[in-house]
Amino acid sequence: MNTTKDTLRKYNRYSHVYDLFEWMMEHIAFKKWRKVVFSKVEGRCLEVGLGTGKNFDHYPETAQMVAIDLSPGMMGKAKGRAAKADVEMVVMDAQHLAFKDNVFDSVVMTFVLCSVPDPVKGVEECVRVCKPEGKIINLEHVRSKYRIIAFMEELMNPITSGFFGFNVNRNTRSNIEAGGAIIVEDHKFAFFDVFRLFISKPNK
């Protein structure tokens, strides 16, 4: 399993080619899904794991956006897109958010829990900073319940985790629930049950 230090090193290392790595899926599906995600955002919103800033185009004009990322390299790429959005950006670990309790109306993660070393701790932190009446939104790729797909994910995971720092075999729904969030919506987007949108409320 990658440590926080491992994850930081890997994302810094390939931050300059990250957009190229995702180019095909971004144009086929990700861009459309990002739009759906941010149509559900309101109020003061925290984006956990901003990456290279691909979500900036979809930030609601009425929302107050704060975005964090573990990797200065990824955030450096995001700053090139920052002119498109009114957003406060901070280098920060998703497992140790430097915010007070109950301060955000919405917390968003897009393809983040796959790379957080302790995903349950990451969710716990999102629950902590989210207001009791707020929402937590996760767009993720997860371990499939279909055996053949899960088998392929297990084969791929040593490569994706070892070289790039993200996992393709995590049971993300269980991690979200273990982190103290109550899932109220679960939408299957693509590849049967692999790409999913979870909308949760904090259990507090």
N, C-alpha and C. Protein backbone atom coordinates (compact mmCIF):
# COMPACT_ATOMS: atom_id res chain seq x y z
N MET A 1 0.84 -1.20 0.00
CA MET A 1 0.00 0.00 0.00
C MET A 1 0.87 1.25 0.00
N ASN A 2 0.48 2.25 -0.76
CA ASN A 2 1.22 3.49 -0.80
C ASN A 2 1.04 4.28 0.50
N THR A 3 2.13 4.83 1.01
CA THR A 3 2.05 5.76 2.11
C THR A 3 1.74 7.15 1.56
N THR A 4 1.46 8.09 2.45
CA THR A 4 1.22 9.46 2.00
C THR A 4 2.44 10.00 1.26
N LYS A 5 3.63 9.68 1.77
CA LYS A 5 4.87 10.13 1.11
C LYS A 5 4.99 9.53 -0.29
N ASP A 6 4.65 8.25 -0.44
CA ASP A 6 4.69 7.60 -1.75
C ASP A 6 3.73 8.27 -2.72
N THR A 7 2.51 8.51 -2.26
CA THR A 7 1.49 9.13 -3.10
C THR A 7 1.91 10.52 -3.55
N LEU A 8 2.44 11.30 -2.63
CA LEU A 8 2.92 12.64 -2.96
C LEU A 8 4.01 12.58 -4.02
N ARG A 9 4.96 11.70 -3.84
CA ARG A 9 6.07 11.58 -4.79
C ARG A 9 5.57 11.20 -6.18
N LYS A 10 4.66 10.25 -6.26
CA LYS A 10 4.18 9.78 -7.55
C LYS A 10 3.37 10.84 -8.28
N TYR A 11 2.50 11.55 -7.57
CA TYR A 11 1.69 12.57 -8.24
C TYR A 11 2.53 13.78 -8.62
N ASN A 12 3.50 14.13 -7.83
CA ASN A 12 4.43 15.19 -8.23
C ASN A 12 5.19 14.79 -9.49
N ARG A 13 5.59 13.53 -9.55
CA ARG A 13 6.42 13.04 -10.65
C ARG A 13 5.70 13.11 -11.98
N TYR A 14 4.43 12.71 -12.00
CA TYR A 14 3.78 12.69 -13.31
C TYR A 14 2.71 13.77 -13.48
N SER A 15 2.78 14.81 -12.66
CA SER A 15 1.82 15.91 -12.78
C SER A 15 1.87 16.58 -14.15
N HIS A 16 3.07 16.62 -14.76
CA HIS A 16 3.20 17.31 -16.04
C HIS A 16 2.62 16.52 -17.20
N VAL A 17 2.33 15.22 -17.01
CA VAL A 17 1.72 14.42 -18.08
C VAL A 17 0.35 13.87 -17.66
N TYR A 18 -0.15 14.29 -16.52
CA TYR A 18 -1.41 13.76 -15.99
C TYR A 18 -2.57 13.99 -16.95
N ASP A 19 -2.67 15.19 -17.49
CA ASP A 19 -3.78 15.50 -18.40
C ASP A 19 -3.71 14.65 -19.66
N LEU A 20 -2.52 14.39 -20.15
CA LEU A 20 -2.35 13.54 -21.32
C LEU A 20 -2.78 12.11 -21.01
N PHE A 21 -2.45 11.65 -19.83
CA PHE A 21 -2.80 10.30 -19.39
C PHE A 21 -4.31 10.09 -19.39
N GLU A 22 -5.06 11.13 -19.03
CA GLU A 22 -6.52 11.01 -18.93
C GLU A 22 -7.25 11.56 -20.14
N TRP A 23 -6.53 11.96 -21.18
CA TRP A 23 -7.13 12.72 -22.28
C TRP A 23 -8.33 12.01 -22.90
N MET A 24 -8.20 10.75 -23.22
CA MET A 24 -9.27 10.04 -23.91
C MET A 24 -10.53 9.94 -23.05
N MET A 25 -10.37 9.47 -21.80
CA MET A 25 -11.53 9.34 -20.93
C MET A 25 -12.14 10.69 -20.58
N GLU A 26 -11.30 11.71 -20.52
CA GLU A 26 -11.81 13.06 -20.23
C GLU A 26 -12.80 13.49 -21.31
N HIS A 27 -12.44 13.25 -22.57
CA HIS A 27 -13.30 13.68 -23.68
C HIS A 27 -14.48 12.74 -23.90
N ILE A 28 -14.30 11.47 -23.60
CA ILE A 28 -15.39 10.52 -23.79
C ILE A 28 -16.45 10.65 -22.70
N ALA A 29 -16.01 10.82 -21.45
CA ALA A 29 -16.97 10.74 -20.35
C ALA A 29 -16.73 11.68 -19.19
N PHE A 30 -15.48 11.84 -18.75
CA PHE A 30 -15.22 12.53 -17.49
C PHE A 30 -15.77 13.96 -17.48
N LYS A 31 -15.60 14.67 -18.59
CA LYS A 31 -16.06 16.07 -18.63
C LYS A 31 -17.57 16.15 -18.39
N LYS A 32 -18.30 15.25 -19.00
CA LYS A 32 -19.75 15.21 -18.83
C LYS A 32 -20.12 14.88 -17.38
N TRP A 33 -19.39 13.95 -16.80
CA TRP A 33 -19.69 13.56 -15.41
C TRP A 33 -19.35 14.68 -14.44
N ARG A 34 -18.27 15.41 -14.71
CA ARG A 34 -17.91 16.53 -13.83
C ARG A 34 -19.03 17.56 -13.78
N LYS A 35 -19.63 17.79 -14.92
CA LYS A 35 -20.74 18.75 -15.00
C LYS A 35 -21.90 18.31 -14.11
N VAL A 36 -22.20 17.01 -14.14
CA VAL A 36 -23.26 16.47 -13.29
C VAL A 36 -22.92 16.66 -11.82
N VAL A 37 -21.68 16.35 -11.45
CA VAL A 37 -21.25 16.48 -10.06
C VAL A 37 -21.46 17.89 -9.54
N PHE A 38 -20.98 18.87 -10.28
CA PHE A 38 -21.01 20.24 -9.77
C PHE A 38 -22.36 20.93 -9.94
N SER A 39 -23.27 20.28 -10.64
CA SER A 39 -24.65 20.78 -10.67
C SER A 39 -25.32 20.56 -9.32
N LYS A 40 -24.73 19.71 -8.48
CA LYS A 40 -25.30 19.38 -7.18
C LYS A 40 -24.65 20.15 -6.03
N VAL A 41 -23.69 21.00 -6.37
CA VAL A 41 -22.94 21.75 -5.35
C VAL A 41 -23.66 23.05 -5.03
N GLU A 42 -23.63 23.41 -3.76
CA GLU A 42 -24.21 24.69 -3.35
C GLU A 42 -23.50 25.21 -2.10
N GLY A 43 -23.62 26.52 -1.90
CA GLY A 43 -23.05 27.14 -0.71
C GLY A 43 -21.53 27.15 -0.71
N ARG A 44 -20.95 27.05 0.48
CA ARG A 44 -19.50 26.99 0.62
C ARG A 44 -19.06 25.55 0.37
N CYS A 45 -18.18 25.37 -0.60
CA CYS A 45 -17.83 24.02 -1.06
C CYS A 45 -16.33 23.78 -0.98
N LEU A 46 -15.96 22.61 -0.49
CA LEU A 46 -14.57 22.16 -0.47
C LEU A 46 -14.38 21.08 -1.52
N GLU A 47 -13.44 21.30 -2.45
CA GLU A 47 -13.04 20.22 -3.35
C GLU A 47 -11.78 19.59 -2.78
N VAL A 48 -11.85 18.31 -2.48
CA VAL A 48 -10.71 17.56 -1.95
C VAL A 48 -10.04 16.84 -3.11
N GLY A 49 -8.78 17.19 -3.37
CA GLY A 49 -8.06 16.58 -4.49
C GLY A 49 -8.36 17.28 -5.80
N LEU A 50 -7.95 18.53 -5.92
CA LEU A 50 -8.30 19.30 -7.12
C LEU A 50 -7.52 18.86 -8.35
N GLY A 51 -6.42 18.12 -8.15
CA GLY A 51 -5.65 17.66 -9.31
C GLY A 51 -5.11 18.81 -10.13
N THR A 52 -5.29 18.74 -11.43
CA THR A 52 -4.81 19.80 -12.32
C THR A 52 -5.88 20.85 -12.61
N GLY A 53 -6.96 20.82 -11.84
CA GLY A 53 -7.98 21.86 -11.97
C GLY A 53 -9.01 21.63 -13.05
N LYS A 54 -9.22 20.38 -13.43
CA LYS A 54 -10.18 20.10 -14.50
C LYS A 54 -11.62 20.41 -14.12
N ASN A 55 -11.89 20.50 -12.84
CA ASN A 55 -13.25 20.80 -12.41
C ASN A 55 -13.57 22.29 -12.42
N PHE A 56 -12.56 23.12 -12.57
CA PHE A 56 -12.78 24.57 -12.47
C PHE A 56 -13.87 25.05 -13.43
N ASP A 57 -13.90 24.51 -14.64
CA ASP A 57 -14.90 24.93 -15.63
C ASP A 57 -16.32 24.68 -15.17
N HIS A 58 -16.48 23.80 -14.20
CA HIS A 58 -17.82 23.39 -13.79
C HIS A 58 -18.23 23.94 -12.43
N TYR A 59 -17.37 24.75 -11.82
CA TYR A 59 -17.72 25.34 -10.53
C TYR A 59 -18.94 26.25 -10.69
N PRO A 60 -19.95 26.13 -9.84
CA PRO A 60 -21.10 27.04 -9.90
C PRO A 60 -20.68 28.47 -9.54
N GLU A 61 -21.21 29.43 -10.25
CA GLU A 61 -20.86 30.82 -9.99
C GLU A 61 -21.32 31.27 -8.61
N THR A 62 -22.35 30.62 -8.11
CA THR A 62 -22.92 31.04 -6.82
C THR A 62 -22.22 30.40 -5.62
N ALA A 63 -21.36 29.42 -5.88
CA ALA A 63 -20.70 28.71 -4.77
C ALA A 63 -19.41 29.41 -4.36
N GLN A 64 -19.06 29.28 -3.10
CA GLN A 64 -17.77 29.76 -2.58
C GLN A 64 -16.84 28.55 -2.53
N MET A 65 -15.83 28.53 -3.39
CA MET A 65 -15.02 27.33 -3.59
C MET A 65 -13.68 27.41 -2.87
N VAL A 66 -13.35 26.34 -2.17
CA VAL A 66 -12.02 26.11 -1.61
C VAL A 66 -11.55 24.76 -2.14
N ALA A 67 -10.31 24.68 -2.61
CA ALA A 67 -9.82 23.43 -3.20
C ALA A 67 -8.45 23.08 -2.63
N ILE A 68 -8.27 21.81 -2.31
CA ILE A 68 -6.99 21.36 -1.75
C ILE A 68 -6.42 20.21 -2.57
N ASP A 69 -5.11 20.03 -2.47
CA ASP A 69 -4.46 18.86 -3.06
C ASP A 69 -3.18 18.58 -2.29
N LEU A 70 -2.83 17.32 -2.21
CA LEU A 70 -1.61 16.92 -1.53
C LEU A 70 -0.36 17.32 -2.30
N SER A 71 -0.47 17.35 -3.63
CA SER A 71 0.69 17.51 -4.50
C SER A 71 0.89 18.94 -4.98
N PRO A 72 2.00 19.59 -4.61
CA PRO A 72 2.30 20.91 -5.17
C PRO A 72 2.46 20.88 -6.68
N GLY A 73 2.93 19.75 -7.22
CA GLY A 73 3.07 19.63 -8.66
C GLY A 73 1.74 19.69 -9.37
N MET A 74 0.76 18.97 -8.86
CA MET A 74 -0.59 19.00 -9.44
C MET A 74 -1.20 20.39 -9.28
N MET A 75 -1.01 20.99 -8.11
CA MET A 75 -1.58 22.31 -7.89
C MET A 75 -0.93 23.36 -8.79
N GLY A 76 0.35 23.17 -9.08
CA GLY A 76 1.02 24.08 -10.01
C GLY A 76 0.37 24.07 -11.38
N LYS A 77 -0.03 22.88 -11.84
CA LYS A 77 -0.75 22.78 -13.11
C LYS A 77 -2.13 23.43 -13.00
N ALA A 78 -2.77 23.26 -11.85
CA ALA A 78 -4.10 23.81 -11.65
C ALA A 78 -4.09 25.33 -11.68
N LYS A 79 -3.01 25.94 -11.22
CA LYS A 79 -2.95 27.40 -11.18
C LYS A 79 -3.04 28.01 -12.57
N GLY A 80 -2.65 27.25 -13.58
CA GLY A 80 -2.80 27.72 -14.95
C GLY A 80 -4.24 27.83 -15.39
N ARG A 81 -5.12 27.11 -14.69
CA ARG A 81 -6.55 27.15 -14.99
C ARG A 81 -7.32 28.03 -14.00
N ALA A 82 -6.64 28.54 -13.00
CA ALA A 82 -7.32 29.21 -11.89
C ALA A 82 -8.03 30.49 -12.31
N ALA A 83 -7.60 31.10 -13.41
CA ALA A 83 -8.24 32.34 -13.86
C ALA A 83 -9.70 32.11 -14.24
N LYS A 84 -10.04 30.85 -14.53
CA LYS A 84 -11.41 30.52 -14.93
C LYS A 84 -12.35 30.38 -13.74
N ALA A 85 -11.80 30.39 -12.55
CA ALA A 85 -12.63 30.13 -11.37
C ALA A 85 -12.21 31.00 -10.20
N ASP A 86 -13.18 31.37 -9.39
CA ASP A 86 -12.92 32.10 -8.15
C ASP A 86 -12.75 31.05 -7.06
N VAL A 87 -11.50 30.69 -6.80
CA VAL A 87 -11.25 29.57 -5.90
C VAL A 87 -10.01 29.83 -5.05
N GLU A 88 -10.08 29.44 -3.79
CA GLU A 88 -8.93 29.48 -2.88
C GLU A 88 -8.28 28.11 -2.91
N MET A 89 -6.99 28.04 -3.25
CA MET A 89 -6.29 26.77 -3.37
C MET A 89 -5.24 26.63 -2.26
N VAL A 90 -5.20 25.45 -1.64
CA VAL A 90 -4.28 25.21 -0.53
C VAL A 90 -3.69 23.80 -0.66
N VAL A 91 -2.38 23.68 -0.48
CA VAL A 91 -1.75 22.36 -0.42
C VAL A 91 -2.08 21.74 0.94
N MET A 92 -2.71 20.55 0.90
CA MET A 92 -3.19 19.96 2.15
C MET A 92 -3.43 18.47 1.95
N ASP A 93 -3.29 17.71 3.02
CA ASP A 93 -3.53 16.27 3.03
C ASP A 93 -5.00 16.00 3.33
N ALA A 94 -5.67 15.24 2.48
CA ALA A 94 -7.08 14.91 2.68
C ALA A 94 -7.34 14.17 3.99
N GLN A 95 -6.31 13.51 4.51
CA GLN A 95 -6.45 12.76 5.76
C GLN A 95 -6.32 13.64 7.00
N HIS A 96 -5.89 14.89 6.79
CA HIS A 96 -5.68 15.82 7.91
C HIS A 96 -6.08 17.22 7.44
N LEU A 97 -7.36 17.47 7.33
CA LEU A 97 -7.85 18.76 6.83
C LEU A 97 -7.70 19.83 7.91
N ALA A 98 -7.12 20.95 7.52
CA ALA A 98 -6.86 22.04 8.47
C ALA A 98 -8.03 23.02 8.50
N PHE A 99 -9.23 22.50 8.67
CA PHE A 99 -10.43 23.33 8.75
C PHE A 99 -11.17 22.97 10.04
N LYS A 100 -11.94 23.93 10.52
CA LYS A 100 -12.78 23.67 11.70
C LYS A 100 -13.92 22.73 11.33
N ASP A 101 -14.59 22.22 12.34
CA ASP A 101 -15.74 21.35 12.12
C ASP A 101 -16.91 22.13 11.53
N ASN A 102 -17.71 21.46 10.70
CA ASN A 102 -19.02 21.97 10.26
C ASN A 102 -18.94 23.33 9.56
N VAL A 103 -18.04 23.45 8.58
CA VAL A 103 -17.86 24.74 7.91
C VAL A 103 -18.23 24.73 6.43
N PHE A 104 -18.47 23.55 5.84
CA PHE A 104 -18.77 23.49 4.41
C PHE A 104 -20.17 22.92 4.17
N ASP A 105 -20.85 23.53 3.19
CA ASP A 105 -22.17 23.04 2.78
C ASP A 105 -22.06 21.82 1.87
N SER A 106 -20.98 21.78 1.09
CA SER A 106 -20.74 20.66 0.16
C SER A 106 -19.26 20.30 0.20
N VAL A 107 -18.98 19.00 0.12
CA VAL A 107 -17.61 18.51 -0.01
C VAL A 107 -17.59 17.57 -1.22
N VAL A 108 -16.66 17.83 -2.14
CA VAL A 108 -16.63 17.08 -3.40
C VAL A 108 -15.28 16.41 -3.59
N MET A 109 -15.32 15.16 -4.06
CA MET A 109 -14.11 14.44 -4.48
C MET A 109 -14.40 13.78 -5.82
N THR A 110 -13.52 13.99 -6.80
CA THR A 110 -13.65 13.29 -8.08
C THR A 110 -12.40 12.45 -8.30
N PHE A 111 -12.57 11.15 -8.26
CA PHE A 111 -11.48 10.18 -8.44
C PHE A 111 -10.35 10.44 -7.43
N VAL A 112 -10.72 10.51 -6.17
CA VAL A 112 -9.77 10.82 -5.11
C VAL A 112 -9.61 9.68 -4.11
N LEU A 113 -10.69 9.06 -3.70
CA LEU A 113 -10.59 8.01 -2.69
C LEU A 113 -9.79 6.81 -3.17
N CYS A 114 -9.56 6.72 -4.46
CA CYS A 114 -8.72 5.65 -5.01
C CYS A 114 -7.25 5.85 -4.68
N SER A 115 -6.87 7.07 -4.33
CA SER A 115 -5.45 7.37 -4.12
C SER A 115 -5.11 7.79 -2.69
N VAL A 116 -6.10 8.12 -1.88
CA VAL A 116 -5.83 8.47 -0.48
C VAL A 116 -5.36 7.21 0.25
N PRO A 117 -4.20 7.24 0.89
CA PRO A 117 -3.68 6.04 1.54
C PRO A 117 -4.66 5.39 2.52
N ASP A 118 -5.35 6.21 3.31
CA ASP A 118 -6.37 5.71 4.22
C ASP A 118 -7.71 6.34 3.82
N PRO A 119 -8.46 5.69 2.92
CA PRO A 119 -9.68 6.32 2.41
C PRO A 119 -10.74 6.53 3.48
N VAL A 120 -10.81 5.65 4.46
CA VAL A 120 -11.79 5.83 5.53
C VAL A 120 -11.47 7.09 6.34
N LYS A 121 -10.20 7.32 6.63
CA LYS A 121 -9.79 8.54 7.32
C LYS A 121 -10.11 9.76 6.47
N GLY A 122 -9.92 9.67 5.17
CA GLY A 122 -10.26 10.77 4.28
C GLY A 122 -11.74 11.11 4.34
N VAL A 123 -12.59 10.10 4.36
CA VAL A 123 -14.03 10.33 4.47
C VAL A 123 -14.38 10.91 5.84
N GLU A 124 -13.76 10.39 6.88
CA GLU A 124 -14.00 10.91 8.23
C GLU A 124 -13.72 12.41 8.30
N GLU A 125 -12.65 12.85 7.66
CA GLU A 125 -12.31 14.26 7.65
C GLU A 125 -13.35 15.07 6.86
N CYS A 126 -13.83 14.52 5.76
CA CYS A 126 -14.87 15.20 4.98
C CYS A 126 -16.16 15.33 5.79
N VAL A 127 -16.50 14.27 6.51
CA VAL A 127 -17.68 14.31 7.38
C VAL A 127 -17.51 15.36 8.47
N ARG A 128 -16.32 15.43 9.04
CA ARG A 128 -16.06 16.38 10.13
C ARG A 128 -16.25 17.82 9.69
N VAL A 129 -15.74 18.18 8.51
CA VAL A 129 -15.79 19.58 8.08
C VAL A 129 -17.11 19.94 7.40
N CYS A 130 -17.91 18.94 7.07
CA CYS A 130 -19.19 19.18 6.41
C CYS A 130 -20.26 19.52 7.46
N LYS A 131 -21.10 20.46 7.14
CA LYS A 131 -22.20 20.80 8.05
C LYS A 131 -23.16 19.62 8.18
N PRO A 132 -23.84 19.49 9.31
CA PRO A 132 -24.76 18.36 9.49
C PRO A 132 -25.81 18.24 8.40
N GLU A 133 -26.25 19.37 7.86
CA GLU A 133 -27.26 19.36 6.80
C GLU A 133 -26.64 19.39 5.40
N GLY A 134 -25.31 19.30 5.34
CA GLY A 134 -24.61 19.39 4.05
C GLY A 134 -24.57 18.07 3.31
N LYS A 135 -23.80 18.05 2.21
CA LYS A 135 -23.70 16.85 1.39
C LYS A 135 -22.25 16.57 1.01
N ILE A 136 -21.94 15.30 0.84
CA ILE A 136 -20.62 14.85 0.40
C ILE A 136 -20.82 14.12 -0.92
N ILE A 137 -20.08 14.54 -1.94
CA ILE A 137 -20.28 14.02 -3.30
C ILE A 137 -18.99 13.35 -3.77
N ASN A 138 -19.09 12.10 -4.15
CA ASN A 138 -17.94 11.33 -4.62
C ASN A 138 -18.19 10.77 -6.01
N LEU A 139 -17.36 11.15 -6.97
CA LEU A 139 -17.31 10.50 -8.28
C LEU A 139 -16.09 9.60 -8.26
N GLU A 140 -16.28 8.29 -8.37
CA GLU A 140 -15.18 7.35 -8.16
C GLU A 140 -15.24 6.17 -9.12
N HIS A 141 -14.09 5.50 -9.29
CA HIS A 141 -14.10 4.17 -9.89
C HIS A 141 -13.85 3.17 -8.78
N VAL A 142 -14.59 2.07 -8.78
CA VAL A 142 -14.62 1.18 -7.62
C VAL A 142 -14.45 -0.28 -8.05
N ARG A 143 -14.25 -1.13 -7.07
CA ARG A 143 -14.19 -2.57 -7.32
C ARG A 143 -15.57 -3.06 -7.75
N SER A 144 -15.62 -3.78 -8.85
CA SER A 144 -16.88 -4.29 -9.37
C SER A 144 -17.37 -5.50 -8.59
N LYS A 145 -18.69 -5.69 -8.59
CA LYS A 145 -19.27 -6.90 -8.01
C LYS A 145 -19.30 -8.05 -9.02
N TYR A 146 -18.99 -7.72 -10.29
CA TYR A 146 -18.93 -8.75 -11.31
C TYR A 146 -17.55 -9.41 -11.27
N ARG A 147 -17.53 -10.73 -11.16
CA ARG A 147 -16.28 -11.43 -10.89
C ARG A 147 -15.21 -11.19 -11.95
N ILE A 148 -15.58 -11.23 -13.22
CA ILE A 148 -14.57 -11.09 -14.27
C ILE A 148 -13.97 -9.69 -14.26
N ILE A 149 -14.80 -8.68 -14.00
CA ILE A 149 -14.29 -7.31 -13.93
C ILE A 149 -13.41 -7.14 -12.69
N ALA A 150 -13.86 -7.67 -11.57
CA ALA A 150 -13.07 -7.58 -10.34
C ALA A 150 -11.73 -8.29 -10.50
N PHE A 151 -11.74 -9.41 -11.21
CA PHE A 151 -10.50 -10.15 -11.46
C PHE A 151 -9.52 -9.29 -12.26
N MET A 152 -10.03 -8.60 -13.29
CA MET A 152 -9.18 -7.72 -14.09
C MET A 152 -8.66 -6.55 -13.26
N GLU A 153 -9.50 -6.03 -12.39
CA GLU A 153 -9.07 -4.93 -11.52
C GLU A 153 -7.94 -5.38 -10.59
N GLU A 154 -8.05 -6.59 -10.07
CA GLU A 154 -7.00 -7.12 -9.20
C GLU A 154 -5.68 -7.28 -9.97
N LEU A 155 -5.78 -7.70 -11.22
CA LEU A 155 -4.57 -7.84 -12.04
C LEU A 155 -3.92 -6.49 -12.31
N MET A 156 -4.75 -5.47 -12.54
CA MET A 156 -4.26 -4.14 -12.88
C MET A 156 -3.73 -3.37 -11.68
N ASN A 157 -4.25 -3.67 -10.50
CA ASN A 157 -3.98 -2.80 -9.35
C ASN A 157 -2.50 -2.67 -8.98
N PRO A 158 -1.69 -3.73 -9.03
CA PRO A 158 -0.27 -3.54 -8.72
C PRO A 158 0.41 -2.53 -9.65
N ILE A 159 -0.07 -2.44 -10.88
CA ILE A 159 0.50 -1.49 -11.84
C ILE A 159 0.02 -0.08 -11.55
N THR A 160 -1.30 0.09 -11.42
CA THR A 160 -1.83 1.44 -11.19
C THR A 160 -1.37 2.00 -9.84
N SER A 161 -1.32 1.15 -8.83
CA SER A 161 -0.90 1.58 -7.51
C SER A 161 0.61 1.79 -7.44
N GLY A 162 1.34 0.86 -8.01
CA GLY A 162 2.80 0.92 -7.93
C GLY A 162 3.41 2.06 -8.72
N PHE A 163 2.88 2.31 -9.92
CA PHE A 163 3.46 3.33 -10.78
C PHE A 163 2.80 4.70 -10.63
N PHE A 164 1.48 4.70 -10.44
CA PHE A 164 0.75 5.97 -10.50
C PHE A 164 0.13 6.41 -9.17
N GLY A 165 0.02 5.50 -8.22
CA GLY A 165 -0.46 5.89 -6.90
C GLY A 165 -1.96 5.78 -6.68
N PHE A 166 -2.70 5.20 -7.64
CA PHE A 166 -4.13 5.03 -7.41
C PHE A 166 -4.53 3.57 -7.54
N ASN A 167 -5.58 3.21 -6.82
CA ASN A 167 -6.06 1.83 -6.76
C ASN A 167 -7.35 1.68 -7.56
N VAL A 168 -7.50 0.53 -8.22
CA VAL A 168 -8.71 0.28 -8.99
C VAL A 168 -9.55 -0.83 -8.37
N ASN A 169 -9.19 -1.28 -7.18
CA ASN A 169 -9.88 -2.43 -6.58
C ASN A 169 -10.47 -2.12 -5.21
N ARG A 170 -10.71 -0.86 -4.92
CA ARG A 170 -11.22 -0.51 -3.60
C ARG A 170 -12.75 -0.60 -3.55
N ASN A 171 -13.25 -1.07 -2.42
CA ASN A 171 -14.69 -1.09 -2.17
C ASN A 171 -15.09 0.26 -1.60
N THR A 172 -15.27 1.21 -2.48
CA THR A 172 -15.42 2.61 -2.07
C THR A 172 -16.73 2.86 -1.34
N ARG A 173 -17.79 2.18 -1.73
CA ARG A 173 -19.05 2.37 -1.02
C ARG A 173 -18.88 2.02 0.46
N SER A 174 -18.23 0.90 0.74
CA SER A 174 -18.00 0.48 2.13
C SER A 174 -17.11 1.47 2.86
N ASN A 175 -16.10 2.02 2.16
CA ASN A 175 -15.20 3.00 2.78
C ASN A 175 -15.94 4.28 3.14
N ILE A 176 -16.85 4.70 2.27
CA ILE A 176 -17.64 5.91 2.55
C ILE A 176 -18.50 5.69 3.79
N GLU A 177 -19.14 4.55 3.86
CA GLU A 177 -20.00 4.25 5.01
C GLU A 177 -19.18 4.09 6.29
N ALA A 178 -18.01 3.46 6.18
CA ALA A 178 -17.15 3.28 7.35
C ALA A 178 -16.61 4.61 7.86
N GLY A 179 -16.53 5.60 6.97
CA GLY A 179 -16.04 6.92 7.35
C GLY A 179 -17.08 7.80 8.00
N GLY A 180 -18.30 7.31 8.16
CA GLY A 180 -19.32 8.07 8.86
C GLY A 180 -20.26 8.85 7.98
N ALA A 181 -20.35 8.47 6.70
CA ALA A 181 -21.29 9.12 5.79
C ALA A 181 -22.43 8.16 5.46
N ILE A 182 -23.61 8.70 5.30
CA ILE A 182 -24.79 7.91 4.94
C ILE A 182 -25.08 8.14 3.46
N ILE A 183 -24.96 7.11 2.66
CA ILE A 183 -25.17 7.24 1.22
C ILE A 183 -26.67 7.33 0.94
N VAL A 184 -27.07 8.41 0.28
CA VAL A 184 -28.48 8.60 -0.05
C VAL A 184 -28.75 8.41 -1.54
N GLU A 185 -27.70 8.50 -2.36
CA GLU A 185 -27.83 8.23 -3.79
C GLU A 185 -26.59 7.49 -4.27
N ASP A 186 -26.80 6.51 -5.16
CA ASP A 186 -25.70 5.73 -5.73
C ASP A 186 -26.03 5.51 -7.20
N HIS A 187 -25.33 6.24 -8.08
CA HIS A 187 -25.61 6.19 -9.52
C HIS A 187 -24.48 5.46 -10.23
N LYS A 188 -24.83 4.49 -11.05
CA LYS A 188 -23.85 3.77 -11.87
C LYS A 188 -23.72 4.49 -13.20
N PHE A 189 -22.50 4.95 -13.52
CA PHE A 189 -22.28 5.76 -14.71
C PHE A 189 -21.79 4.96 -15.91
N ALA A 190 -20.86 4.03 -15.71
CA ALA A 190 -20.27 3.34 -16.86
C ALA A 190 -19.55 2.07 -16.43
N PHE A 191 -19.24 1.22 -17.42
CA PHE A 191 -18.55 -0.06 -17.19
C PHE A 191 -19.26 -0.85 -16.10
N PHE A 192 -20.57 -1.06 -16.34
CA PHE A 192 -21.42 -1.77 -15.40
C PHE A 192 -21.48 -1.02 -14.08
N ASP A 193 -20.75 -1.46 -13.06
CA ASP A 193 -20.83 -0.80 -11.75
C ASP A 193 -19.49 -0.22 -11.31
N VAL A 194 -18.60 0.05 -12.26
CA VAL A 194 -17.25 0.53 -11.90
C VAL A 194 -17.24 2.03 -11.62
N PHE A 195 -17.74 2.83 -12.55
CA PHE A 195 -17.75 4.28 -12.36
C PHE A 195 -19.06 4.67 -11.68
N ARG A 196 -18.94 5.27 -10.50
CA ARG A 196 -20.12 5.53 -9.66
C ARG A 196 -20.10 6.95 -9.11
N LEU A 197 -21.30 7.48 -8.92
CA LEU A 197 -21.49 8.75 -8.24
C LEU A 197 -22.25 8.49 -6.95
N PHE A 198 -21.59 8.80 -5.83
CA PHE A 198 -22.21 8.64 -4.51
C PHE A 198 -22.52 10.02 -3.94
N ILE A 199 -23.72 10.20 -3.45
CA ILE A 199 -24.09 11.41 -2.73
C ILE A 199 -24.47 10.99 -1.31
N SER A 200 -23.81 11.61 -0.34
CA SER A 200 -23.98 11.19 1.05
C SER A 200 -24.28 12.39 1.94
N LYS A 201 -24.74 12.09 3.12
CA LYS A 201 -24.88 13.11 4.16
C LYS A 201 -24.08 12.67 5.37
N PRO A 202 -23.53 13.61 6.11
CA PRO A 202 -22.74 13.23 7.29
C PRO A 202 -23.62 12.64 8.37
N ASN A 203 -23.15 11.59 8.99
CA ASN A 203 -23.90 10.92 10.05
C ASN A 203 -23.54 11.57 11.39
N LYS A 204 -24.17 12.71 11.65
CA LYS A 204 -23.92 13.42 12.91
C LYS A 204 -25.09 14.31 13.27
